[in-house]
Amino acid sequence: QVQLVESGGGLVQPGGSLRLSCAASETILSIYAMGWYRQAPGKQRVLVATITRGGPINYADSVKGRFTISRDTAKNTVYLQMNSLKPEDTGVYYCKAVPGVLGPEYWGQGTQVTVSS
């Protein structure tokens, strides 16, 4: 079972930046894919960015050019650098780990990001 702990959320003004961190309980080199998802109030959880063990990265169209997902294998941590934040980026950001190609899935507890002036 993979345990995930997110951090780095907070309140930021439009145009600002935040960096989210997701620390895994085991080496991320053994995890097939990891990703960040956002859940806005009253809405479904949606994909923001994913990175796989082989390297391919996917971004939601709404964050391309503004967000960057990366990983530090020495720290077993995946990051989400968020720049040029917009109010519509507001939500709870969850980290997900999928150890194998067919699952299972593990989720962190989430971290709140609020973009508001």
Protein backbone atom coordinates (compact mmCIF):
# COMPACT_ATOMS: atom_id res chain seq x y z
CA GLN A 1 0.00 0.00 0.00
CA VAL A 2 1.38 3.39 -1.00
CA GLN A 3 0.83 6.30 1.34
CA LEU A 4 0.86 9.80 -0.10
CA VAL A 5 1.15 13.11 1.72
CA GLU A 6 0.47 16.36 -0.12
CA SER A 7 1.61 19.80 0.96
CA GLY A 8 2.12 23.28 -0.42
CA GLY A 9 -1.43 24.52 -0.87
CA GLY A 10 -2.65 27.91 0.26
CA LEU A 11 -4.21 31.20 -0.71
CA VAL A 12 -2.64 33.08 -3.61
CA GLN A 13 -3.63 36.04 -5.74
CA PRO A 14 -4.38 35.64 -9.45
CA GLY A 15 -1.14 35.53 -11.40
CA GLY A 16 0.75 34.08 -8.47
CA SER A 17 2.56 30.77 -8.07
CA LEU A 18 2.51 27.76 -5.79
CA ARG A 19 4.42 24.49 -5.69
CA LEU A 20 2.64 21.39 -4.46
CA SER A 21 4.54 18.37 -3.16
CA CYS A 22 3.46 14.75 -2.91
CA ALA A 23 5.69 12.55 -0.77
CA ALA A 24 5.33 8.80 -1.28
CA SER A 25 5.98 6.10 1.31
CA GLU A 26 7.99 4.01 -1.11
CA THR A 27 10.38 4.57 -3.96
CA ILE A 28 8.59 6.25 -6.84
CA LEU A 29 10.87 4.40 -9.26
CA SER A 30 8.65 1.36 -8.66
CA ILE A 31 5.40 3.25 -9.23
CA TYR A 32 3.98 3.07 -12.75
CA ALA A 33 2.28 6.47 -12.76
CA MET A 34 1.63 9.40 -10.48
CA GLY A 35 -0.52 12.42 -11.00
CA TRP A 36 -2.32 15.45 -9.69
CA TYR A 37 -6.07 15.92 -9.77
CA ARG A 38 -8.27 18.86 -8.78
CA GLN A 39 -11.73 18.89 -7.28
CA ALA A 40 -13.56 22.19 -7.25
CA PRO A 41 -16.56 22.72 -4.97
CA GLY A 42 -19.58 20.85 -6.30
CA LYS A 43 -17.65 19.37 -9.21
CA GLN A 44 -16.03 16.08 -10.09
CA ARG A 45 -12.37 15.41 -9.60
CA VAL A 46 -10.46 16.08 -12.83
CA LEU A 47 -7.00 15.32 -14.10
CA VAL A 48 -4.43 18.12 -13.94
CA ALA A 49 -1.17 16.38 -14.82
CA THR A 50 0.31 12.89 -14.83
CA ILE A 51 3.78 11.43 -15.18
CA THR A 52 4.62 7.81 -15.85
CA ARG A 53 7.61 5.71 -14.99
CA GLY A 54 8.72 5.76 -18.59
CA GLY A 55 8.58 9.52 -18.70
CA PRO A 56 5.48 10.50 -20.73
CA ILE A 57 3.72 13.49 -19.23
CA ASN A 58 0.13 14.61 -19.76
CA TYR A 59 -1.48 17.93 -18.88
CA ALA A 60 -5.05 19.11 -18.93
CA ASP A 61 -5.51 21.66 -21.71
CA SER A 62 -6.45 24.29 -19.15
CA VAL A 63 -3.03 24.17 -17.45
CA LYS A 64 -0.67 23.62 -20.39
CA GLY A 65 2.08 26.22 -20.39
CA ARG A 66 1.36 27.21 -16.79
CA PHE A 67 1.82 24.05 -14.72
CA THR A 68 4.76 21.66 -14.62
CA ILE A 69 4.82 18.20 -13.07
CA SER A 70 8.17 16.77 -12.02
CA ARG A 71 9.63 14.18 -9.70
CA ASP A 72 12.63 13.80 -7.42
CA THR A 73 13.40 10.10 -7.14
CA ALA A 74 15.90 10.67 -4.35
CA LYS A 75 13.15 12.22 -2.21
CA ASN A 76 10.33 9.98 -3.49
CA THR A 77 8.39 13.14 -4.21
CA VAL A 78 6.35 14.43 -7.11
CA TYR A 79 5.84 18.16 -7.54
CA LEU A 80 3.36 20.38 -9.30
CA GLN A 81 4.69 23.85 -10.07
CA MET A 82 1.75 26.13 -10.72
CA ASN A 83 2.37 29.54 -12.31
CA SER A 84 0.06 32.26 -13.58
CA LEU A 85 -2.69 30.95 -11.35
CA LYS A 86 -6.30 31.78 -12.15
CA PRO A 87 -9.41 31.74 -9.94
CA GLU A 88 -10.63 28.69 -11.86
CA ASP A 89 -7.61 26.76 -10.58
CA THR A 90 -9.18 26.84 -7.12
CA GLY A 91 -9.93 23.48 -5.55
CA VAL A 92 -8.56 20.63 -3.52
CA TYR A 93 -5.56 19.08 -5.23
CA TYR A 94 -5.07 15.35 -4.78
CA CYS A 95 -2.05 13.22 -5.55
CA LYS A 96 -2.61 9.76 -7.01
CA ALA A 97 -0.24 6.82 -7.35
CA VAL A 98 -0.81 3.78 -9.56
CA PRO A 99 1.88 1.20 -8.79
CA GLY A 100 1.04 -1.13 -11.66
CA VAL A 101 -0.30 -0.74 -15.18
CA LEU A 102 -3.63 -2.22 -14.03
CA GLY A 103 -3.76 -0.47 -10.68
CA PRO A 104 -4.60 -0.29 -7.82
CA GLU A 105 -4.93 3.41 -7.11
CA TYR A 106 -3.86 5.25 -4.00
CA TRP A 107 -4.84 8.81 -3.11
CA GLY A 108 -3.49 11.40 -0.74
CA GLN A 109 -5.65 13.46 1.60
CA GLY A 110 -5.58 16.55 -0.62
CA THR A 111 -4.36 20.10 -0.22
CA GLN A 112 -6.49 23.21 -0.70
CA VAL A 113 -5.52 25.79 -3.31
CA THR A 114 -7.47 29.04 -3.38
CA VAL A 115 -6.79 31.67 -6.04
CA SER A 116 -8.49 34.91 -5.10
CA SER A 117 -7.81 38.60 -4.81
